[in-house]
Amino acid sequence: MISWTEGGMVSELGTESFGGNAGYWESFPCAGVRFYYDRGTGEIVTFGNFQNVRRQIRENFPEGIFKVAILMGSKKPRVKRDLDYRIIEIYYESAQILDVSRQVLEKSMEEFNERYGFDI
């Protein structure tokens, strides 16, 4: 998830505008980052906007969106951090997702925030 390479979450976040359609969480601007995941396991296959993801992936894997807040501006500490993000919510079509997949995606969000997310 922290990959800077194509198909990675951090790489994809670099192309998004914060504070636009995704709005704000608390006073932090947010962006939505789309991902495609394995319905049976919850494993994230890739991150990317529809037009940038191969058709084979779009047709075979359901999609979800992480709402991600960014630490910036006057709230940003003077100490350099590797990542200044925090996943706030997960959106997916609830009718399509299996319980195991939901649990894996929620655990992924929790682990990302524990390891890399900024403290709130």
PDB file of N, CA and C in Angstrom:
ATOM      1  N   MET A   1       0.811  -1.202   0.000  1.00  0.00           N
ATOM      2  CA  MET A   1       0.000   0.000   0.000  1.00  0.00           C
ATOM      3  C   MET A   1       0.851   1.261   0.000  1.00  0.00           C
ATOM      4  N   ILE A   2       2.049   1.185   0.538  1.00  0.00           N
ATOM      5  CA  ILE A   2       2.851   2.403   0.613  1.00  0.00           C
ATOM      6  C   ILE A   2       3.707   2.592  -0.631  1.00  0.00           C
ATOM      7  N   SER A   3       3.507   1.772  -1.627  1.00  0.00           N
ATOM      8  CA  SER A   3       4.339   1.799  -2.819  1.00  0.00           C
ATOM      9  C   SER A   3       4.246   3.122  -3.575  1.00  0.00           C
ATOM     10  N   TRP A   4       5.421   3.595  -3.994  1.00  0.00           N
ATOM     11  CA  TRP A   4       5.512   4.787  -4.837  1.00  0.00           C
ATOM     12  C   TRP A   4       5.476   4.403  -6.308  1.00  0.00           C
ATOM     13  N   THR A   5       5.441   3.103  -6.612  1.00  0.00           N
ATOM     14  CA  THR A   5       5.430   2.675  -8.001  1.00  0.00           C
ATOM     15  C   THR A   5       4.009   2.699  -8.547  1.00  0.00           C
ATOM     16  N   GLU A   6       3.902   2.612  -9.875  1.00  0.00           N
ATOM     17  CA  GLU A   6       2.592   2.620 -10.514  1.00  0.00           C
ATOM     18  C   GLU A   6       1.729   1.495  -9.935  1.00  0.00           C
ATOM     19  N   GLY A   7       0.492   1.813  -9.594  1.00  0.00           N
ATOM     20  CA  GLY A   7      -0.405   0.846  -8.990  1.00  0.00           C
ATOM     21  C   GLY A   7      -0.362   0.840  -7.477  1.00  0.00           C
ATOM     22  N   GLY A   8       0.535   1.638  -6.887  1.00  0.00           N
ATOM     23  CA  GLY A   8       0.639   1.745  -5.441  1.00  0.00           C
ATOM     24  C   GLY A   8      -0.203   2.902  -4.917  1.00  0.00           C
ATOM     25  N   MET A   9      -0.597   2.825  -3.663  1.00  0.00           N
ATOM     26  CA  MET A   9      -1.480   3.840  -3.094  1.00  0.00           C
ATOM     27  C   MET A   9      -0.818   5.209  -3.019  1.00  0.00           C
ATOM     28  N   VAL A  10       0.412   5.267  -2.542  1.00  0.00           N
ATOM     29  CA  VAL A  10       1.076   6.561  -2.392  1.00  0.00           C
ATOM     30  C   VAL A  10       1.317   7.192  -3.762  1.00  0.00           C
ATOM     31  N   SER A  11       1.687   6.392  -4.725  1.00  0.00           N
ATOM     32  CA  SER A  11       1.860   6.900  -6.084  1.00  0.00           C
ATOM     33  C   SER A  11       0.550   7.494  -6.607  1.00  0.00           C
ATOM     34  N   GLU A  12      -0.532   6.787  -6.389  1.00  0.00           N
ATOM     35  CA  GLU A  12      -1.843   7.257  -6.860  1.00  0.00           C
ATOM     36  C   GLU A  12      -2.274   8.531  -6.133  1.00  0.00           C
ATOM     37  N   LEU A  13      -2.000   8.614  -4.845  1.00  0.00           N
ATOM     38  CA  LEU A  13      -2.357   9.818  -4.086  1.00  0.00           C
ATOM     39  C   LEU A  13      -1.645  11.051  -4.630  1.00  0.00           C
ATOM     40  N   GLY A  14      -0.462  10.846  -5.196  1.00  0.00           N
ATOM     41  CA  GLY A  14       0.284  11.960  -5.760  1.00  0.00           C
ATOM     42  C   GLY A  14      -0.401  12.600  -6.946  1.00  0.00           C
ATOM     43  N   THR A  15      -1.382  11.916  -7.526  1.00  0.00           N
ATOM     44  CA  THR A  15      -2.099  12.460  -8.684  1.00  0.00           C
ATOM     45  C   THR A  15      -3.452  13.056  -8.297  1.00  0.00           C
ATOM     46  N   GLU A  16      -3.818  12.933  -7.039  1.00  0.00           N
ATOM     47  CA  GLU A  16      -5.139  13.387  -6.593  1.00  0.00           C
ATOM     48  C   GLU A  16      -5.069  14.783  -5.983  1.00  0.00           C
ATOM     49  N   SER A  17      -6.189  15.492  -6.038  1.00  0.00           N
ATOM     50  CA  SER A  17      -6.262  16.782  -5.363  1.00  0.00           C
ATOM     51  C   SER A  17      -6.959  16.580  -4.025  1.00  0.00           C
ATOM     52  N   PHE A  18      -6.390  17.159  -2.998  1.00  0.00           N
ATOM     53  CA  PHE A  18      -6.939  17.036  -1.650  1.00  0.00           C
ATOM     54  C   PHE A  18      -7.889  18.190  -1.374  1.00  0.00           C
ATOM     55  N   GLY A  19      -8.997  17.865  -0.691  1.00  0.00           N
ATOM     56  CA  GLY A  19      -9.964  18.885  -0.316  1.00  0.00           C
ATOM     57  C   GLY A  19     -11.014  19.138  -1.384  1.00  0.00           C
ATOM     58  N   GLY A  20     -10.956  18.447  -2.504  1.00  0.00           N
ATOM     59  CA  GLY A  20     -11.944  18.618  -3.571  1.00  0.00           C
ATOM     60  C   GLY A  20     -13.193  17.803  -3.289  1.00  0.00           C
ATOM     61  N   ASN A  21     -13.486  16.851  -4.162  1.00  0.00           N
ATOM     62  CA  ASN A  21     -14.696  16.032  -4.014  1.00  0.00           C
ATOM     63  C   ASN A  21     -14.739  15.268  -2.699  1.00  0.00           C
ATOM     64  N   ALA A  22     -13.592  14.849  -2.201  1.00  0.00           N
ATOM     65  CA  ALA A  22     -13.549  14.065  -0.960  1.00  0.00           C
ATOM     66  C   ALA A  22     -13.732  14.938   0.279  1.00  0.00           C
ATOM     67  N   GLY A  23     -13.616  16.246   0.110  1.00  0.00           N
ATOM     68  CA  GLY A  23     -13.871  17.165   1.215  1.00  0.00           C
ATOM     69  C   GLY A  23     -12.811  17.138   2.292  1.00  0.00           C
ATOM     70  N   TYR A  24     -13.264  17.312   3.526  1.00  0.00           N
ATOM     71  CA  TYR A  24     -12.375  17.401   4.683  1.00  0.00           C
ATOM     72  C   TYR A  24     -12.826  16.416   5.755  1.00  0.00           C
ATOM     73  N   TRP A  25     -11.886  16.006   6.566  1.00  0.00           N
ATOM     74  CA  TRP A  25     -12.170  15.227   7.766  1.00  0.00           C
ATOM     75  C   TRP A  25     -11.543  16.007   8.901  1.00  0.00           C
ATOM     76  N   GLU A  26     -12.380  16.360   9.882  1.00  0.00           N
ATOM     77  CA  GLU A  26     -11.935  17.289  10.912  1.00  0.00           C
ATOM     78  C   GLU A  26     -11.479  18.540  10.148  1.00  0.00           C
ATOM     79  N   SER A  27     -10.241  18.961  10.288  1.00  0.00           N
ATOM     80  CA  SER A  27      -9.754  20.099   9.501  1.00  0.00           C
ATOM     81  C   SER A  27      -8.727  19.665   8.460  1.00  0.00           C
ATOM     82  N   PHE A  28      -8.659  18.372   8.186  1.00  0.00           N
ATOM     83  CA  PHE A  28      -7.669  17.840   7.255  1.00  0.00           C
ATOM     84  C   PHE A  28      -8.282  17.622   5.879  1.00  0.00           C
ATOM     85  N   PRO A  29      -7.645  18.139   4.810  1.00  0.00           N
ATOM     86  CA  PRO A  29      -8.159  17.882   3.464  1.00  0.00           C
ATOM     87  C   PRO A  29      -8.018  16.400   3.123  1.00  0.00           C
ATOM     88  N   CYS A  30      -8.966  15.902   2.328  1.00  0.00           N
ATOM     89  CA  CYS A  30      -8.995  14.477   1.980  1.00  0.00           C
ATOM     90  C   CYS A  30      -8.994  14.278   0.468  1.00  0.00           C
ATOM     91  N   ALA A  31      -8.607  13.081   0.081  1.00  0.00           N
ATOM     92  CA  ALA A  31      -8.701  12.631  -1.312  1.00  0.00           C
ATOM     93  C   ALA A  31      -9.246  11.212  -1.289  1.00  0.00           C
ATOM     94  N   GLY A  32      -9.841  10.819  -2.380  1.00  0.00           N
ATOM     95  CA  GLY A  32     -10.281   9.436  -2.525  1.00  0.00           C
ATOM     96  C   GLY A  32      -9.312   8.712  -3.432  1.00  0.00           C
ATOM     97  N   VAL A  33      -8.867   7.539  -3.007  1.00  0.00           N
ATOM     98  CA  VAL A  33      -7.985   6.744  -3.855  1.00  0.00           C
ATOM     99  C   VAL A  33      -8.678   5.401  -4.129  1.00  0.00           C
ATOM    100  N   ARG A  34      -8.912   5.161  -5.411  1.00  0.00           N
ATOM    101  CA  ARG A  34      -9.649   3.968  -5.856  1.00  0.00           C
ATOM    102  C   ARG A  34      -8.716   2.763  -5.896  1.00  0.00           C
ATOM    103  N   PHE A  35      -9.265   1.606  -5.492  1.00  0.00           N
ATOM    104  CA  PHE A  35      -8.502   0.363  -5.569  1.00  0.00           C
ATOM    105  C   PHE A  35      -9.410  -0.746  -6.086  1.00  0.00           C
ATOM    106  N   TYR A  36      -8.790  -1.797  -6.579  1.00  0.00           N
ATOM    107  CA  TYR A  36      -9.485  -2.997  -7.036  1.00  0.00           C
ATOM    108  C   TYR A  36      -8.971  -4.153  -6.192  1.00  0.00           C
ATOM    109  N   TYR A  37      -9.879  -5.016  -5.753  1.00  0.00           N
ATOM    110  CA  TYR A  37      -9.494  -6.066  -4.802  1.00  0.00           C
ATOM    111  C   TYR A  37     -10.080  -7.408  -5.196  1.00  0.00           C
ATOM    112  N   ASP A  38      -9.449  -8.461  -4.672  1.00  0.00           N
ATOM    113  CA  ASP A  38      -9.915  -9.830  -4.893  1.00  0.00           C
ATOM    114  C   ASP A  38     -11.134 -10.069  -4.015  1.00  0.00           C
ATOM    115  N   ARG A  39     -12.244 -10.389  -4.615  1.00  0.00           N
ATOM    116  CA  ARG A  39     -13.509 -10.576  -3.897  1.00  0.00           C
ATOM    117  C   ARG A  39     -13.414 -11.689  -2.855  1.00  0.00           C
ATOM    118  N   GLY A  40     -12.655 -12.728  -3.141  1.00  0.00           N
ATOM    119  CA  GLY A  40     -12.576 -13.870  -2.242  1.00  0.00           C
ATOM    120  C   GLY A  40     -11.633 -13.703  -1.066  1.00  0.00           C
ATOM    121  N   THR A  41     -10.573 -12.887  -1.253  1.00  0.00           N
ATOM    122  CA  THR A  41      -9.558 -12.777  -0.206  1.00  0.00           C
ATOM    123  C   THR A  41      -9.448 -11.374   0.406  1.00  0.00           C
ATOM    124  N   GLY A  42      -9.914 -10.364  -0.306  1.00  0.00           N
ATOM    125  CA  GLY A  42      -9.766  -8.989   0.157  1.00  0.00           C
ATOM    126  C   GLY A  42      -8.418  -8.382  -0.200  1.00  0.00           C
ATOM    127  N   GLU A  43      -7.560  -9.148  -0.868  1.00  0.00           N
ATOM    128  CA  GLU A  43      -6.248  -8.625  -1.261  1.00  0.00           C
ATOM    129  C   GLU A  43      -6.420  -7.516  -2.295  1.00  0.00           C
ATOM    130  N   ILE A  44      -5.731  -6.402  -2.081  1.00  0.00           N
ATOM    131  CA  ILE A  44      -5.781  -5.305  -3.041  1.00  0.00           C
ATOM    132  C   ILE A  44      -4.894  -5.655  -4.225  1.00  0.00           C
ATOM    133  N   VAL A  45      -5.487  -5.601  -5.418  1.00  0.00           N
ATOM    134  CA  VAL A  45      -4.781  -5.956  -6.648  1.00  0.00           C
ATOM    135  C   VAL A  45      -3.999  -4.756  -7.167  1.00  0.00           C
ATOM    136  N   THR A  46      -4.638  -3.583  -7.183  1.00  0.00           N
ATOM    137  CA  THR A  46      -3.981  -2.370  -7.653  1.00  0.00           C
ATOM    138  C   THR A  46      -4.765  -1.147  -7.204  1.00  0.00           C
ATOM    139  N   PHE A  47      -4.101  -0.011  -7.217  1.00  0.00           N
ATOM    140  CA  PHE A  47      -4.736   1.283  -6.999  1.00  0.00           C
ATOM    141  C   PHE A  47      -4.725   2.018  -8.322  1.00  0.00           C
ATOM    142  N   GLY A  48      -5.751   2.804  -8.586  1.00  0.00           N
ATOM    143  CA  GLY A  48      -5.737   3.625  -9.791  1.00  0.00           C
ATOM    144  C   GLY A  48      -7.118   4.059 -10.203  1.00  0.00           C
ATOM    145  N   ASN A  49      -7.160   5.169 -10.919  1.00  0.00           N
ATOM    146  CA  ASN A  49      -8.420   5.634 -11.480  1.00  0.00           C
ATOM    147  C   ASN A  49      -8.826   4.739 -12.637  1.00  0.00           C
ATOM    148  N   PHE A  50     -10.116   4.686 -12.881  1.00  0.00           N
ATOM    149  CA  PHE A  50     -10.702   3.807 -13.884  1.00  0.00           C
ATOM    150  C   PHE A  50      -9.917   3.821 -15.193  1.00  0.00           C
ATOM    151  N   GLN A  51      -9.643   5.000 -15.721  1.00  0.00           N
ATOM    152  CA  GLN A  51      -9.014   5.121 -17.040  1.00  0.00           C
ATOM    153  C   GLN A  51      -7.561   4.646 -17.044  1.00  0.00           C
ATOM    154  N   ASN A  52      -6.959   4.497 -15.883  1.00  0.00           N
ATOM    155  CA  ASN A  52      -5.554   4.087 -15.809  1.00  0.00           C
ATOM    156  C   ASN A  52      -5.363   2.627 -15.421  1.00  0.00           C
ATOM    157  N   VAL A  53      -6.456   1.917 -15.212  1.00  0.00           N
ATOM    158  CA  VAL A  53      -6.383   0.510 -14.801  1.00  0.00           C
ATOM    159  C   VAL A  53      -6.761  -0.365 -15.989  1.00  0.00           C
ATOM    160  N   ARG A  54      -5.999  -1.420 -16.192  1.00  0.00           N
ATOM    161  CA  ARG A  54      -6.263  -2.328 -17.320  1.00  0.00           C
ATOM    162  C   ARG A  54      -7.699  -2.851 -17.280  1.00  0.00           C
ATOM    163  N   ARG A  55      -8.299  -2.967 -18.440  1.00  0.00           N
ATOM    164  CA  ARG A  55      -9.682  -3.426 -18.546  1.00  0.00           C
ATOM    165  C   ARG A  55      -9.871  -4.800 -17.910  1.00  0.00           C
ATOM    166  N   GLN A  56      -8.901  -5.682 -18.060  1.00  0.00           N
ATOM    167  CA  GLN A  56      -8.998  -7.025 -17.472  1.00  0.00           C
ATOM    168  C   GLN A  56      -9.192  -6.932 -15.955  1.00  0.00           C
ATOM    169  N   ILE A  57      -8.495  -6.022 -15.306  1.00  0.00           N
ATOM    170  CA  ILE A  57      -8.642  -5.848 -13.854  1.00  0.00           C
ATOM    171  C   ILE A  57     -10.004  -5.244 -13.542  1.00  0.00           C
ATOM    172  N   ARG A  58     -10.391  -4.196 -14.265  1.00  0.00           N
ATOM    173  CA  ARG A  58     -11.685  -3.533 -14.016  1.00  0.00           C
ATOM    174  C   ARG A  58     -12.852  -4.500 -14.168  1.00  0.00           C
ATOM    175  N   GLU A  59     -12.747  -5.416 -15.119  1.00  0.00           N
ATOM    176  CA  GLU A  59     -13.845  -6.339 -15.394  1.00  0.00           C
ATOM    177  C   GLU A  59     -13.890  -7.530 -14.442  1.00  0.00           C
ATOM    178  N   ASN A  60     -12.777  -7.828 -13.786  1.00  0.00           N
ATOM    179  CA  ASN A  60     -12.708  -9.043 -12.970  1.00  0.00           C
ATOM    180  C   ASN A  60     -12.600  -8.818 -11.471  1.00  0.00           C
ATOM    181  N   PHE A  61     -12.398  -7.576 -11.056  1.00  0.00           N
ATOM    182  CA  PHE A  61     -12.240  -7.297  -9.639  1.00  0.00           C
ATOM    183  C   PHE A  61     -13.136  -6.135  -9.233  1.00  0.00           C
ATOM    184  N   PRO A  62     -13.824  -6.254  -8.097  1.00  0.00           N
ATOM    185  CA  PRO A  62     -14.636  -5.127  -7.616  1.00  0.00           C
ATOM    186  C   PRO A  62     -13.731  -3.989  -7.160  1.00  0.00           C
ATOM    187  N   GLU A  63     -14.313  -2.804  -7.093  1.00  0.00           N
ATOM    188  CA  GLU A  63     -13.532  -1.641  -6.695  1.00  0.00           C
ATOM    189  C   GLU A  63     -13.989  -1.095  -5.358  1.00  0.00           C
ATOM    190  N   GLY A  64     -13.097  -0.376  -4.742  1.00  0.00           N
ATOM    191  CA  GLY A  64     -13.388   0.311  -3.496  1.00  0.00           C
ATOM    192  C   GLY A  64     -12.637   1.630  -3.494  1.00  0.00           C
ATOM    193  N   ILE A  65     -12.888   2.428  -2.490  1.00  0.00           N
ATOM    194  CA  ILE A  65     -12.208   3.714  -2.368  1.00  0.00           C
ATOM    195  C   ILE A  65     -11.810   3.916  -0.906  1.00  0.00           C
ATOM    196  N   PHE A  66     -10.555   4.279  -0.696  1.00  0.00           N
ATOM    197  CA  PHE A  66     -10.110   4.734   0.609  1.00  0.00           C
ATOM    198  C   PHE A  66     -10.243   6.251   0.629  1.00  0.00           C
ATOM    199  N   LYS A  67     -10.881   6.775   1.661  1.00  0.00           N
ATOM    200  CA  LYS A  67     -10.869   8.217   1.886  1.00  0.00           C
ATOM    201  C   LYS A  67      -9.658   8.481   2.755  1.00  0.00           C
ATOM    202  N   VAL A  68      -8.731   9.307   2.251  1.00  0.00           N
ATOM    203  CA  VAL A  68      -7.446   9.521   2.898  1.00  0.00           C
ATOM    204  C   VAL A  68      -7.287  10.996   3.260  1.00  0.00           C
ATOM    205  N   ALA A  69      -6.942  11.260   4.516  1.00  0.00           N
ATOM    206  CA  ALA A  69      -6.658  12.621   4.967  1.00  0.00           C
ATOM    207  C   ALA A  69      -5.153  12.859   4.872  1.00  0.00           C
ATOM    208  N   ILE A  70      -4.785  14.114   4.642  1.00  0.00           N
ATOM    209  CA  ILE A  70      -3.365  14.470   4.573  1.00  0.00           C
ATOM    210  C   ILE A  70      -3.058  15.522   5.631  1.00  0.00           C
ATOM    211  N   LEU A  71      -1.911  15.352   6.238  1.00  0.00           N
ATOM    212  CA  LEU A  71      -1.427  16.303   7.230  1.00  0.00           C
ATOM    213  C   LEU A  71      -0.609  17.348   6.485  1.00  0.00           C
ATOM    214  N   MET A  72      -1.066  18.584   6.508  1.00  0.00           N
ATOM    215  CA  MET A  72      -0.352  19.627   5.768  1.00  0.00           C
ATOM    216  C   MET A  72      -0.626  20.995   6.360  1.00  0.00           C
ATOM    217  N   GLY A  73       0.073  21.983   5.865  1.00  0.00           N
ATOM    218  CA  GLY A  73      -0.138  23.348   6.310  1.00  0.00           C
ATOM    219  C   GLY A  73       0.315  23.564   7.734  1.00  0.00           C
ATOM    220  N   SER A  74      -0.445  24.349   8.482  1.00  0.00           N
ATOM    221  CA  SER A  74      -0.055  24.702   9.850  1.00  0.00           C
ATOM    222  C   SER A  74      -0.096  23.512  10.796  1.00  0.00           C
ATOM    223  N   LYS A  75      -0.783  22.432  10.409  1.00  0.00           N
ATOM    224  CA  LYS A  75      -0.857  21.253  11.268  1.00  0.00           C
ATOM    225  C   LYS A  75       0.355  20.334  11.086  1.00  0.00           C
ATOM    226  N   LYS A  76       1.122  20.563  10.027  1.00  0.00           N
ATOM    227  CA  LYS A  76       2.252  19.686   9.727  1.00  0.00           C
ATOM    228  C   LYS A  76       3.413  19.969  10.683  1.00  0.00           C
ATOM    229  N   PRO A  77       3.931  18.918  11.329  1.00  0.00           N
ATOM    230  CA  PRO A  77       5.060  19.133  12.237  1.00  0.00           C
ATOM    231  C   PRO A  77       6.317  19.500  11.459  1.00  0.00           C
ATOM    232  N   ARG A  78       7.241  20.120  12.126  1.00  0.00           N
ATOM    233  CA  ARG A  78       8.493  20.512  11.469  1.00  0.00           C
ATOM    234  C   ARG A  78       9.398  19.299  11.230  1.00  0.00           C
ATOM    235  N   VAL A  79       9.131  18.215  11.911  1.00  0.00           N
ATOM    236  CA  VAL A  79       9.910  16.995  11.724  1.00  0.00           C
ATOM    237  C   VAL A  79       9.439  16.312  10.444  1.00  0.00           C
ATOM    238  N   LYS A  80      10.365  15.959   9.574  1.00  0.00           N
ATOM    239  CA  LYS A  80      10.031  15.301   8.307  1.00  0.00           C
ATOM    240  C   LYS A  80       9.535  13.896   8.588  1.00  0.00           C
ATOM    241  N   ARG A  81       8.419  13.566   7.978  1.00  0.00           N
ATOM    242  CA  ARG A  81       7.853  12.223   8.087  1.00  0.00           C
ATOM    243  C   ARG A  81       7.864  11.591   6.707  1.00  0.00           C
ATOM    244  N   ASP A  82       7.904  10.253   6.667  1.00  0.00           N
ATOM    245  CA  ASP A  82       7.844   9.574   5.379  1.00  0.00           C
ATOM    246  C   ASP A  82       6.470   9.727   4.743  1.00  0.00           C
ATOM    247  N   LEU A  83       5.429   9.569   5.545  1.00  0.00           N
ATOM    248  CA  LEU A  83       4.069   9.668   5.036  1.00  0.00           C
ATOM    249  C   LEU A  83       3.248  10.551   5.960  1.00  0.00           C
ATOM    250  N   ASP A  84       2.454  11.378   5.382  1.00  0.00           N
ATOM    251  CA  ASP A  84       1.601  12.275   6.157  1.00  0.00           C
ATOM    252  C   ASP A  84       0.133  12.023   5.832  1.00  0.00           C
ATOM    253  N   TYR A  85      -0.243  10.757   5.733  1.00  0.00           N
ATOM    254  CA  TYR A  85      -1.599  10.357   5.380  1.00  0.00           C
ATOM    255  C   TYR A  85      -2.246   9.574   6.513  1.00  0.00           C
ATOM    256  N   ARG A  86      -3.561   9.517   6.476  1.00  0.00           N
ATOM    257  CA  ARG A  86      -4.319   8.653   7.379  1.00  0.00           C
ATOM    258  C   ARG A  86      -5.572   8.216   6.625  1.00  0.00           C
ATOM    259  N   ILE A  87      -5.809   6.900   6.543  1.00  0.00           N
ATOM    260  CA  ILE A  87      -7.018   6.395   5.903  1.00  0.00           C
ATOM    261  C   ILE A  87      -8.168   6.577   6.881  1.00  0.00           C
ATOM    262  N   ILE A  88      -9.202   7.262   6.443  1.00  0.00           N
ATOM    263  CA  ILE A  88     -10.320   7.613   7.302  1.00  0.00           C
ATOM    264  C   ILE A  88     -11.497   6.654   7.136  1.00  0.00           C
ATOM    265  N   GLU A  89     -11.808   6.302   5.893  1.00  0.00           N
ATOM    266  CA  GLU A  89     -12.961   5.438   5.609  1.00  0.00           C
ATOM    267  C   GLU A  89     -12.681   4.556   4.411  1.00  0.00           C
ATOM    268  N   ILE A  90     -13.475   3.490   4.298  1.00  0.00           N
ATOM    269  CA  ILE A  90     -13.446   2.613   3.126  1.00  0.00           C
ATOM    270  C   ILE A  90     -14.848   2.617   2.531  1.00  0.00           C
ATOM    271  N   TYR A  91     -14.919   2.802   1.220  1.00  0.00           N
ATOM    272  CA  TYR A  91     -16.195   2.722   0.519  1.00  0.00           C
ATOM    273  C   TYR A  91     -16.133   1.551  -0.465  1.00  0.00           C
ATOM    274  N   TYR A  92     -17.195   0.761  -0.498  1.00  0.00           N
ATOM    275  CA  TYR A  92     -17.329  -0.329  -1.453  1.00  0.00           C
ATOM    276  C   TYR A  92     -18.806  -0.669  -1.545  1.00  0.00           C
ATOM    277  N   GLU A  93     -19.165  -1.392  -2.590  1.00  0.00           N
ATOM    278  CA  GLU A  93     -20.552  -1.817  -2.722  1.00  0.00           C
ATOM    279  C   GLU A  93     -20.800  -2.946  -1.735  1.00  0.00           C
ATOM    280  N   SER A  94     -21.599  -2.668  -0.721  1.00  0.00           N
ATOM    281  CA  SER A  94     -21.788  -3.638   0.356  1.00  0.00           C
ATOM    282  C   SER A  94     -22.442  -4.932  -0.115  1.00  0.00           C
ATOM    283  N   ALA A  95     -23.213  -4.877  -1.190  1.00  0.00           N
ATOM    284  CA  ALA A  95     -23.869  -6.081  -1.688  1.00  0.00           C
ATOM    285  C   ALA A  95     -22.869  -7.026  -2.340  1.00  0.00           C
ATOM    286  N   GLN A  96     -21.730  -6.500  -2.798  1.00  0.00           N
ATOM    287  CA  GLN A  96     -20.752  -7.312  -3.517  1.00  0.00           C
ATOM    288  C   GLN A  96     -19.661  -7.897  -2.637  1.00  0.00           C
ATOM    289  N   ILE A  97     -19.450  -7.335  -1.475  1.00  0.00           N
ATOM    290  CA  ILE A  97     -18.277  -7.723  -0.688  1.00  0.00           C
ATOM    291  C   ILE A  97     -18.592  -8.871   0.279  1.00  0.00           C
ATOM    292  N   LEU A  98     -17.686  -9.810   0.346  1.00  0.00           N
ATOM    293  CA  LEU A  98     -17.806 -10.918   1.292  1.00  0.00           C
ATOM    294  C   LEU A  98     -17.268 -10.472   2.643  1.00  0.00           C
ATOM    295  N   ASP A  99     -17.740 -11.129   3.702  1.00  0.00           N
ATOM    296  CA  ASP A  99     -17.280 -10.773   5.050  1.00  0.00           C
ATOM    297  C   ASP A  99     -15.769 -10.870   5.183  1.00  0.00           C
ATOM    298  N   VAL A 100     -15.165 -11.919   4.616  1.00  0.00           N
ATOM    299  CA  VAL A 100     -13.714 -12.081   4.730  1.00  0.00           C
ATOM    300  C   VAL A 100     -13.007 -10.918   4.045  1.00  0.00           C
ATOM    301  N   SER A 101     -13.489 -10.482   2.903  1.00  0.00           N
ATOM    302  CA  SER A 101     -12.871  -9.362   2.198  1.00  0.00           C
ATOM    303  C   SER A 101     -13.020  -8.074   2.988  1.00  0.00           C
ATOM    304  N   ARG A 102     -14.186  -7.848   3.545  1.00  0.00           N
ATOM    305  CA  ARG A 102     -14.421  -6.650   4.354  1.00  0.00           C
ATOM    306  C   ARG A 102     -13.450  -6.624   5.541  1.00  0.00           C
ATOM    307  N   GLN A 103     -13.286  -7.769   6.196  1.00  0.00           N
ATOM    308  CA  GLN A 103     -12.386  -7.844   7.347  1.00  0.00           C
ATOM    309  C   GLN A 103     -10.935  -7.568   6.952  1.00  0.00           C
ATOM    310  N   VAL A 104     -10.513  -8.111   5.813  1.00  0.00           N
ATOM    311  CA  VAL A 104      -9.134  -7.905   5.356  1.00  0.00           C
ATOM    312  C   VAL A 104      -8.902  -6.437   5.012  1.00  0.00           C
ATOM    313  N   LEU A 105      -9.848  -5.816   4.319  1.00  0.00           N
ATOM    314  CA  LEU A 105      -9.694  -4.402   3.952  1.00  0.00           C
ATOM    315  C   LEU A 105      -9.685  -3.509   5.189  1.00  0.00           C
ATOM    316  N   GLU A 106     -10.557  -3.804   6.144  1.00  0.00           N
ATOM    317  CA  GLU A 106     -10.572  -3.012   7.382  1.00  0.00           C
ATOM    318  C   GLU A 106      -9.274  -3.199   8.171  1.00  0.00           C
ATOM    319  N   LYS A 107      -8.764  -4.425   8.203  1.00  0.00           N
ATOM    320  CA  LYS A 107      -7.490  -4.691   8.883  1.00  0.00           C
ATOM    321  C   LYS A 107      -6.342  -3.978   8.167  1.00  0.00           C
ATOM    322  N   SER A 108      -6.391  -3.941   6.847  1.00  0.00           N
ATOM    323  CA  SER A 108      -5.364  -3.232   6.073  1.00  0.00           C
ATOM    324  C   SER A 108      -5.358  -1.754   6.434  1.00  0.00           C
ATOM    325  N   MET A 109      -6.554  -1.167   6.552  1.00  0.00           N
ATOM    326  CA  MET A 109      -6.658   0.237   6.929  1.00  0.00           C
ATOM    327  C   MET A 109      -6.076   0.454   8.325  1.00  0.00           C
ATOM    328  N   GLU A 110      -6.443  -0.396   9.264  1.00  0.00           N
ATOM    329  CA  GLU A 110      -5.946  -0.271  10.637  1.00  0.00           C
ATOM    330  C   GLU A 110      -4.425  -0.393  10.692  1.00  0.00           C
ATOM    331  N   GLU A 111      -3.878  -1.381   9.992  1.00  0.00           N
ATOM    332  CA  GLU A 111      -2.429  -1.591  10.015  1.00  0.00           C
ATOM    333  C   GLU A 111      -1.689  -0.435   9.350  1.00  0.00           C
ATOM    334  N   PHE A 112      -2.218   0.075   8.244  1.00  0.00           N
ATOM    335  CA  PHE A 112      -1.598   1.226   7.596  1.00  0.00           C
ATOM    336  C   PHE A 112      -1.539   2.399   8.573  1.00  0.00           C
ATOM    337  N   ASN A 113      -2.667   2.678   9.215  1.00  0.00           N
ATOM    338  CA  ASN A 113      -2.719   3.813  10.134  1.00  0.00           C
ATOM    339  C   ASN A 113      -1.816   3.619  11.347  1.00  0.00           C
ATOM    340  N   GLU A 114      -1.710   2.393  11.846  1.00  0.00           N
ATOM    341  CA  GLU A 114      -0.828   2.121  12.982  1.00  0.00           C
ATOM    342  C   GLU A 114       0.639   2.308  12.606  1.00  0.00           C
ATOM    343  N   ARG A 115       1.010   1.855  11.424  1.00  0.00           N
ATOM    344  CA  ARG A 115       2.417   1.904  11.003  1.00  0.00           C
ATOM    345  C   ARG A 115       2.818   3.255  10.415  1.00  0.00           C
ATOM    346  N   TYR A 116       1.926   3.837   9.618  1.00  0.00           N
ATOM    347  CA  TYR A 116       2.324   4.993   8.818  1.00  0.00           C
ATOM    348  C   TYR A 116       1.456   6.227   8.991  1.00  0.00           C
ATOM    349  N   GLY A 117       0.251   6.069   9.500  1.00  0.00           N
ATOM    350  CA  GLY A 117      -0.676   7.183   9.569  1.00  0.00           C
ATOM    351  C   GLY A 117      -0.274   8.216  10.599  1.00  0.00           C
ATOM    352  N   PHE A 118      -0.604   9.464  10.329  1.00  0.00           N
ATOM    353  CA  PHE A 118      -0.312  10.497  11.320  1.00  0.00           C
ATOM    354  C   PHE A 118      -1.257  10.360  12.491  1.00  0.00           C
ATOM    355  N   ASP A 119      -0.785  10.767  13.660  1.00  0.00           N
ATOM    356  CA  ASP A 119      -1.583  10.672  14.882  1.00  0.00           C
ATOM    357  C   ASP A 119      -2.642  11.770  14.905  1.00  0.00           C
ATOM    358  N   ILE A 120      -3.805  11.408  15.439  1.00  0.00           N
ATOM    359  CA  ILE A 120      -4.874  12.396  15.558  1.00  0.00           C
ATOM    360  C   ILE A 120      -5.168  12.681  17.011  1.00  0.00           C
TER     361      ILE A 120
END
